[in-house]
Amino acid sequence: MAFIKLYRKKLEENYQFLDSIFKSRNIKWGVVSKLLCGNKIYLKEIMALGVSEIHDSRVSNLKKIKSLDPDIQTVYIKPPAKRSIESIVRYADVSFNTEIYTIQLLSNEAAKQNKTHKIIIMIEMGDLREGVMGEELIEFYGAILKMPNIEILGIGTNLNCLSGVMPTQDKLIQLSLYKQLIEAKFNIEIPLVSGGTSVAIPLILKNARPMAVNHFRIGEALFFGKDLFTGETIEGMHNDVFKLYTEIIEITEKPDIPTGELGESGVGNTYVMDENEDLGGTSLRAILDIGLLDMQPQYIEPEDDDITIIDASSDMLVIDISNSKKNYKIGDLVSFKIRYMGALYLLSSDYIEKTIG
């Protein structure tokens, strides 16, 4: 059985690296746990780091977090669906919002549960995902300011996740100006300005963040140490908190090209022969006990640089080990580095064992 392993020490060191950066700049931050898909083994590892705030996009995951530690502040990081209002108020201390109608529903439900539900108003800043349009923000804010059982914790924005718009200094200055505008209009103080996700870390490291932007939601950088501006690993961080391990279930020298009448494969692909391909060529192929049901090959990378991924079917991954310097045998484990989306596939699969290293 293939398994994914979380390396505790590397996770801890990544967390301490980020926490030091944020604390030294008086920035509050929360861990985005959606990658973990509610896995309690891994959620406990996150909580053991001393986090006080966890963000997720699934109410069921927030419910598990609250069952493990009721005192951790839980944040629902997308606009609530109407059918989920009751459970969001019950399990999320804070939610991101963009609709007056939805906030009214949250207000009504919070009154029923005798709670005050906190919200962050998300503002559209160009990435074209969730967010109130800037020209409508003052009217929007005024409409919800006095809603009972609702506390406006702050404003925020999301960048890069849909259209790839980067959180430049100009974008965050614009977000800071929205804070000033609201505070001047309503004679109030906005506690939090949430400037985005891991993609903003390079700006923070360069001290290019406007001081008013005082909150961030961090997931990918914590687990993968990635600089999303350059694609490189942030100096001082680990990019291999997670690794995938798969078992070899067959090793055979086989032709490089299929033989017989070709049609569409079971996963919808059609083999196209390269005109430069050696019709008589062969390669030493290994089959691994994992497939498309659990992962996508483009999001994993063999740690053995001499291995080449050939292709995958629903339950098996075929690799070429011809050039490897290792003498692989049946039952050996082949390890892979994982990209963020690769980990998301693996962690959402019930067929992949989750372990701690």
Protein backbone atom coordinates (compact mmCIF):
# COMPACT_ATOMS: atom_id res chain seq x y z
CA MET A 1 0.00 0.00 0.00
CA ALA A 2 1.37 3.40 -0.97
CA PHE A 3 1.72 5.90 1.86
CA ILE A 4 2.47 9.56 2.46
CA LYS A 5 4.75 10.54 5.32
CA LEU A 6 4.85 13.86 7.16
CA TYR A 7 8.26 14.66 8.64
CA ARG A 8 7.57 16.25 12.01
CA LYS A 9 10.93 17.94 12.54
CA LYS A 10 10.86 19.62 9.13
CA LEU A 11 7.29 20.83 9.71
CA GLU A 12 8.30 22.22 13.10
CA GLU A 13 11.31 24.04 11.64
CA ASN A 14 9.21 25.54 8.83
CA TYR A 15 6.65 26.70 11.37
CA GLN A 16 9.27 28.30 13.62
CA PHE A 17 10.85 30.02 10.61
CA LEU A 18 7.52 31.57 9.59
CA ASP A 19 6.42 32.38 13.14
CA SER A 20 9.66 34.25 13.74
CA ILE A 21 9.17 36.30 10.55
CA PHE A 22 5.62 37.23 11.48
CA LYS A 23 6.24 37.97 15.15
CA SER A 24 9.20 40.21 14.36
CA ARG A 25 6.90 42.29 12.13
CA ASN A 26 3.85 42.30 14.45
CA ILE A 27 1.85 40.23 11.98
CA LYS A 28 -0.87 37.79 13.01
CA TRP A 29 -1.23 34.63 10.99
CA GLY A 30 -3.22 31.44 10.77
CA VAL A 31 -2.41 28.03 9.34
CA VAL A 32 -4.48 26.94 6.34
CA SER A 33 -5.18 23.26 6.95
CA LYS A 34 -7.32 22.40 3.89
CA LEU A 35 -4.40 20.42 2.40
CA LEU A 36 -4.71 17.95 5.29
CA CYS A 37 -8.30 17.08 4.32
CA GLY A 38 -9.36 16.76 7.96
CA ASN A 39 -6.85 14.00 8.76
CA LYS A 40 -6.73 13.97 12.56
CA ILE A 41 -3.21 12.51 12.70
CA TYR A 42 -1.85 15.50 10.84
CA LEU A 43 -4.17 18.06 12.45
CA LYS A 44 -2.75 17.04 15.83
CA GLU A 45 0.75 17.71 14.50
CA ILE A 46 -0.30 21.22 13.49
CA MET A 47 -1.89 21.89 16.87
CA ALA A 48 1.21 20.63 18.66
CA LEU A 49 3.12 23.51 17.09
CA GLY A 50 1.16 25.96 19.24
CA VAL A 51 -1.05 27.52 16.56
CA SER A 52 -3.94 29.63 17.78
CA GLU A 53 -5.82 29.97 14.49
CA ILE A 54 -6.61 27.40 11.79
CA HIS A 55 -8.25 28.13 8.44
CA ASP A 56 -10.12 25.65 6.27
CA SER A 57 -12.57 25.57 3.38
CA ARG A 58 -14.55 22.54 4.60
CA VAL A 59 -16.93 22.75 7.54
CA SER A 60 -16.38 19.05 8.30
CA ASN A 61 -12.67 19.77 8.81
CA LEU A 62 -13.42 22.67 11.16
CA LYS A 63 -15.69 20.36 13.14
CA LYS A 64 -12.78 17.93 13.61
CA ILE A 65 -10.49 20.79 14.66
CA LYS A 66 -13.00 21.93 17.29
CA SER A 67 -13.34 18.36 18.56
CA LEU A 68 -9.57 18.22 19.07
CA ASP A 69 -9.24 21.69 20.62
CA PRO A 70 -12.33 23.88 21.18
CA ASP A 71 -10.13 26.89 22.04
CA ILE A 72 -8.45 27.21 18.63
CA GLN A 73 -9.99 29.96 16.52
CA THR A 74 -11.44 28.38 13.39
CA VAL A 75 -11.83 30.36 10.17
CA TYR A 76 -13.99 29.35 7.20
CA ILE A 77 -12.14 30.76 4.21
CA LYS A 78 -14.76 31.01 1.49
CA PRO A 79 -18.18 32.67 1.29
CA PRO A 80 -20.67 30.46 3.16
CA ALA A 81 -23.27 28.45 1.27
CA LYS A 82 -26.87 28.98 2.40
CA ARG A 83 -27.33 25.29 3.28
CA SER A 84 -24.24 25.37 5.53
CA ILE A 85 -25.10 28.42 7.65
CA GLU A 86 -26.06 26.48 10.79
CA SER A 87 -22.88 24.37 10.84
CA ILE A 88 -20.63 27.31 9.90
CA VAL A 89 -21.86 29.31 12.89
CA ARG A 90 -21.45 26.23 15.07
CA TYR A 91 -17.92 25.25 14.01
CA ALA A 92 -16.35 28.40 12.53
CA ASP A 93 -15.56 31.34 14.80
CA VAL A 94 -14.88 33.48 11.73
CA SER A 95 -15.98 33.33 8.09
CA PHE A 96 -15.06 35.21 4.92
CA ASN A 97 -18.02 37.02 3.39
CA THR A 98 -19.04 38.92 0.27
CA GLU A 99 -22.87 38.92 0.31
CA ILE A 100 -25.22 40.97 2.51
CA TYR A 101 -27.91 38.28 2.21
CA THR A 102 -25.53 35.62 3.55
CA ILE A 103 -24.36 37.79 6.44
CA GLN A 104 -27.99 38.36 7.44
CA LEU A 105 -28.47 34.58 7.53
CA LEU A 106 -25.34 34.27 9.69
CA SER A 107 -26.71 36.98 11.99
CA ASN A 108 -30.02 35.16 12.40
CA GLU A 109 -28.35 31.81 13.04
CA ALA A 110 -25.84 33.28 15.49
CA ALA A 111 -28.76 34.72 17.46
CA LYS A 112 -30.36 31.25 17.58
CA GLN A 113 -27.11 29.75 18.86
CA ASN A 114 -26.57 32.66 21.29
CA LYS A 115 -23.22 33.46 19.67
CA THR A 116 -21.39 36.35 18.09
CA HIS A 117 -20.09 35.29 14.71
CA LYS A 118 -17.05 37.14 13.39
CA ILE A 119 -16.64 37.98 9.73
CA ILE A 120 -13.92 39.25 7.41
CA ILE A 121 -15.19 41.16 4.39
CA MET A 122 -13.33 40.07 1.27
CA ILE A 123 -12.63 42.74 -1.34
CA GLU A 124 -12.14 42.13 -5.07
CA MET A 125 -8.62 43.26 -5.99
CA GLY A 126 -8.28 41.92 -9.53
CA ASP A 127 -7.95 38.13 -9.27
CA LEU A 128 -11.70 37.79 -9.99
CA ARG A 129 -12.55 35.19 -7.41
CA GLU A 130 -14.53 36.18 -4.29
CA GLY A 131 -14.78 39.81 -3.19
CA VAL A 132 -16.95 42.90 -2.88
CA MET A 133 -16.23 45.44 -5.63
CA GLY A 134 -14.32 48.44 -4.28
CA GLU A 135 -16.87 51.02 -5.40
CA GLU A 136 -19.58 49.16 -3.45
CA LEU A 137 -17.56 48.63 -0.26
CA ILE A 138 -18.77 51.62 1.79
CA GLU A 139 -22.44 50.90 1.13
CA PHE A 140 -21.82 47.19 1.82
CA TYR A 141 -20.03 47.89 5.10
CA GLY A 142 -22.74 50.27 6.26
CA ALA A 143 -25.45 47.70 5.57
CA ILE A 144 -23.92 45.11 7.90
CA LEU A 145 -22.31 47.33 10.52
CA LYS A 146 -25.18 47.11 12.97
CA MET A 147 -26.37 43.56 12.29
CA PRO A 148 -26.91 41.78 15.62
CA ASN A 149 -24.63 38.91 16.64
CA ILE A 150 -22.14 39.85 13.92
CA GLU A 151 -18.68 41.28 14.64
CA ILE A 152 -16.69 42.66 11.71
CA LEU A 153 -13.20 41.45 12.48
CA GLY A 154 -11.58 43.00 9.43
CA ILE A 155 -11.22 43.17 5.67
CA GLY A 156 -9.16 41.02 3.36
CA THR A 157 -8.44 39.98 -0.16
CA ASN A 158 -7.49 36.91 -2.12
CA LEU A 159 -4.92 37.06 -4.90
CA ASN A 160 -3.20 34.57 -7.20
CA CYS A 161 -5.51 31.59 -6.59
CA LEU A 162 -7.71 31.95 -9.70
CA SER A 163 -6.20 34.29 -12.27
CA GLY A 164 -2.63 34.42 -10.99
CA VAL A 165 -2.70 38.11 -10.01
CA MET A 166 0.24 38.66 -7.67
CA PRO A 167 0.05 40.53 -4.32
CA THR A 168 2.30 43.41 -5.26
CA GLN A 169 3.10 46.28 -2.92
CA ASP A 170 0.64 48.46 -4.87
CA LYS A 171 -2.15 45.92 -4.34
CA LEU A 172 -1.57 45.81 -0.59
CA ILE A 173 -1.34 49.60 -0.39
CA GLN A 174 -4.74 49.72 -2.09
CA LEU A 175 -6.09 47.31 0.52
CA SER A 176 -4.66 49.56 3.27
CA LEU A 177 -6.45 52.55 1.72
CA TYR A 178 -9.77 50.70 1.92
CA LYS A 179 -9.14 50.30 5.66
CA GLN A 180 -8.52 54.04 6.03
CA LEU A 181 -11.60 54.89 3.99
CA ILE A 182 -13.90 52.71 6.09
CA GLU A 183 -12.44 53.89 9.39
CA ALA A 184 -12.84 57.54 8.40
CA LYS A 185 -16.39 57.04 7.10
CA PHE A 186 -17.75 55.14 10.10
CA ASN A 187 -15.41 56.38 12.86
CA ILE A 188 -14.40 52.84 13.80
CA GLU A 189 -11.22 50.80 13.99
CA ILE A 190 -10.67 47.75 11.79
CA PRO A 191 -8.54 45.25 13.76
CA LEU A 192 -7.41 43.00 10.93
CA VAL A 193 -6.38 43.53 7.32
CA SER A 194 -5.78 40.08 5.86
CA GLY A 195 -3.36 40.49 2.97
CA GLY A 196 -3.45 37.05 1.46
CA THR A 197 -1.76 33.69 1.47
CA SER A 198 1.72 32.18 1.08
CA VAL A 199 2.24 34.06 -2.17
CA ALA A 200 2.75 37.29 -0.17
CA ILE A 201 5.71 36.00 1.86
CA PRO A 202 8.41 37.38 -0.50
CA LEU A 203 6.97 40.88 0.02
CA ILE A 204 7.05 40.37 3.77
CA LEU A 205 10.68 39.19 3.66
CA LYS A 206 11.59 42.31 1.67
CA ASN A 207 9.73 44.49 4.20
CA ALA A 208 7.60 45.77 1.32
CA ARG A 209 4.32 45.16 3.14
CA PRO A 210 2.26 48.21 4.18
CA MET A 211 2.12 48.24 7.99
CA ALA A 212 -1.69 48.27 8.00
CA VAL A 213 -1.74 44.80 6.42
CA ASN A 214 -1.35 42.79 9.60
CA HIS A 215 -2.71 39.31 8.92
CA PHE A 216 -1.94 36.41 6.55
CA ARG A 217 -3.25 32.89 5.87
CA ILE A 218 -0.42 30.43 5.29
CA GLY A 219 -0.55 26.88 3.96
CA GLU A 220 1.72 26.12 1.01
CA ALA A 221 4.76 27.90 2.44
CA LEU A 222 4.42 26.02 5.72
CA PHE A 223 4.24 22.60 4.09
CA PHE A 224 6.46 23.19 1.04
CA GLY A 225 8.62 26.22 1.83
CA LYS A 226 7.81 27.62 -1.58
CA ASP A 227 8.41 31.13 -2.89
CA LEU A 228 5.42 31.48 -5.21
CA PHE A 229 7.00 34.42 -7.02
CA THR A 230 10.06 32.46 -8.17
CA GLY A 231 8.96 28.85 -7.74
CA GLU A 232 12.10 28.21 -5.67
CA THR A 233 12.35 27.08 -2.05
CA ILE A 234 12.57 29.92 0.47
CA GLU A 235 16.06 29.97 1.96
CA GLY A 236 15.96 28.44 5.41
CA MET A 237 12.86 26.32 4.75
CA HIS A 238 12.20 22.68 3.81
CA ASN A 239 10.40 21.67 0.62
CA ASP A 240 9.97 18.03 1.64
CA VAL A 241 7.81 18.05 4.75
CA PHE A 242 5.75 15.45 2.86
CA LYS A 243 7.03 12.49 0.82
CA LEU A 244 5.20 9.77 -1.07
CA TYR A 245 6.37 6.16 -0.85
CA THR A 246 5.18 3.51 -3.33
CA GLU A 247 5.96 -0.19 -3.65
CA ILE A 248 7.25 -1.93 -6.76
CA ILE A 249 4.88 -4.74 -7.77
CA GLU A 250 6.47 -5.69 -11.14
CA ILE A 251 9.83 -5.25 -12.90
CA THR A 252 10.13 -6.36 -16.53
CA GLU A 253 12.09 -5.44 -19.66
CA LYS A 254 9.42 -4.40 -22.16
CA PRO A 255 9.18 -2.75 -25.60
CA ASP A 256 9.11 1.04 -25.62
CA ILE A 257 6.04 1.18 -27.85
CA PRO A 258 2.74 -0.72 -27.60
CA THR A 259 1.87 -3.39 -30.18
CA GLY A 260 -1.50 -4.05 -31.77
CA GLU A 261 -4.39 -1.93 -32.96
CA LEU A 262 -4.47 1.27 -30.93
CA GLY A 263 -7.58 2.94 -29.54
CA GLU A 264 -8.46 5.14 -26.60
CA SER A 265 -7.08 3.91 -23.28
CA GLY A 266 -9.16 3.34 -20.19
CA VAL A 267 -8.36 6.84 -18.94
CA GLY A 268 -9.15 8.51 -22.26
CA ASN A 269 -5.65 8.80 -23.76
CA THR A 270 -4.56 7.76 -27.25
CA TYR A 271 -0.97 6.68 -27.80
CA VAL A 272 0.80 8.75 -30.46
CA MET A 273 4.08 7.38 -31.79
CA ASP A 274 7.06 9.71 -32.04
CA GLU A 275 8.56 9.49 -35.54
CA ASN A 276 12.03 9.37 -33.97
CA GLU A 277 11.14 6.48 -31.69
CA ASP A 278 13.19 3.29 -31.95
CA LEU A 279 10.68 0.63 -33.00
CA GLY A 280 12.88 -2.08 -31.54
CA GLY A 281 13.80 -0.30 -28.33
CA THR A 282 13.14 -1.69 -24.87
CA SER A 283 13.32 -0.39 -21.32
CA LEU A 284 13.29 -1.81 -17.83
CA ARG A 285 9.88 -0.89 -16.50
CA ALA A 286 8.62 -1.01 -12.94
CA ILE A 287 5.00 -0.87 -11.89
CA LEU A 288 4.11 0.91 -8.63
CA ASP A 289 1.07 0.36 -6.43
CA ILE A 290 -0.54 3.76 -6.99
CA GLY A 291 -2.57 5.27 -9.81
CA LEU A 292 -4.75 8.12 -11.02
CA LEU A 293 -7.36 7.34 -8.38
CA ASP A 294 -4.93 8.71 -5.79
CA MET A 295 -2.56 11.10 -7.60
CA GLN A 296 -1.66 12.90 -10.82
CA PRO A 297 1.83 12.13 -12.22
CA GLN A 298 2.59 15.77 -13.07
CA TYR A 299 2.52 16.67 -9.37
CA ILE A 300 5.06 14.11 -8.14
CA GLU A 301 8.80 13.78 -8.84
CA PRO A 302 10.98 10.69 -8.17
CA GLU A 303 13.74 11.34 -5.65
CA ASP A 304 15.91 9.06 -7.79
CA ASP A 305 16.80 11.46 -10.62
CA ASP A 306 17.47 8.54 -12.96
CA ILE A 307 13.85 7.37 -12.90
CA THR A 308 11.41 8.53 -15.57
CA ILE A 309 7.64 8.45 -15.12
CA ILE A 310 6.03 6.84 -18.18
CA ASP A 311 2.30 6.95 -17.49
CA ALA A 312 -0.44 5.83 -15.12
CA SER A 313 -3.75 4.00 -15.18
CA SER A 314 -6.37 4.16 -12.46
CA ASP A 315 -4.45 2.01 -9.97
CA MET A 316 -0.89 1.63 -11.30
CA LEU A 317 2.01 3.94 -12.15
CA VAL A 318 4.61 2.81 -14.70
CA ILE A 319 8.18 4.10 -14.43
CA ASP A 320 11.36 3.53 -16.43
CA ILE A 321 14.25 2.44 -14.17
CA SER A 322 16.68 1.53 -16.99
CA ASN A 323 19.14 4.30 -16.13
CA SER A 324 18.94 4.06 -12.37
CA LYS A 325 22.09 3.19 -10.47
CA LYS A 326 20.01 1.38 -7.85
CA ASN A 327 19.30 -2.32 -8.13
CA TYR A 328 15.55 -2.23 -7.58
CA LYS A 329 13.69 -5.40 -6.58
CA ILE A 330 10.06 -6.40 -6.17
CA GLY A 331 8.81 -4.98 -2.86
CA ASP A 332 11.24 -2.05 -2.82
CA LEU A 333 9.89 1.40 -2.06
CA VAL A 334 10.26 4.25 -4.55
CA SER A 335 9.99 7.70 -2.98
CA PHE A 336 8.68 10.90 -4.55
CA LYS A 337 8.80 14.58 -3.79
CA ILE A 338 5.34 16.10 -3.93
CA ARG A 339 3.99 19.42 -5.14
CA TYR A 340 1.07 21.11 -3.38
CA MET A 341 -1.63 19.78 -5.71
CA GLY A 342 -0.05 16.34 -5.55
CA ALA A 343 -0.33 16.31 -1.78
CA LEU A 344 -3.94 17.47 -2.04
CA TYR A 345 -4.82 14.46 -4.22
CA LEU A 346 -2.94 12.04 -1.97
CA LEU A 347 -4.32 13.36 1.31
CA SER A 348 -7.89 13.30 0.02
CA SER A 349 -7.58 9.62 -0.87
CA ASP A 350 -8.78 6.99 1.59
CA TYR A 351 -6.47 4.48 -0.10
CA ILE A 352 -3.22 6.23 0.83
CA GLU A 353 -1.91 5.56 4.35
CA LYS A 354 -0.90 8.65 6.32
CA THR A 355 2.15 8.32 8.56
CA ILE A 356 4.55 10.42 10.64
CA GLY A 357 8.32 10.41 10.27
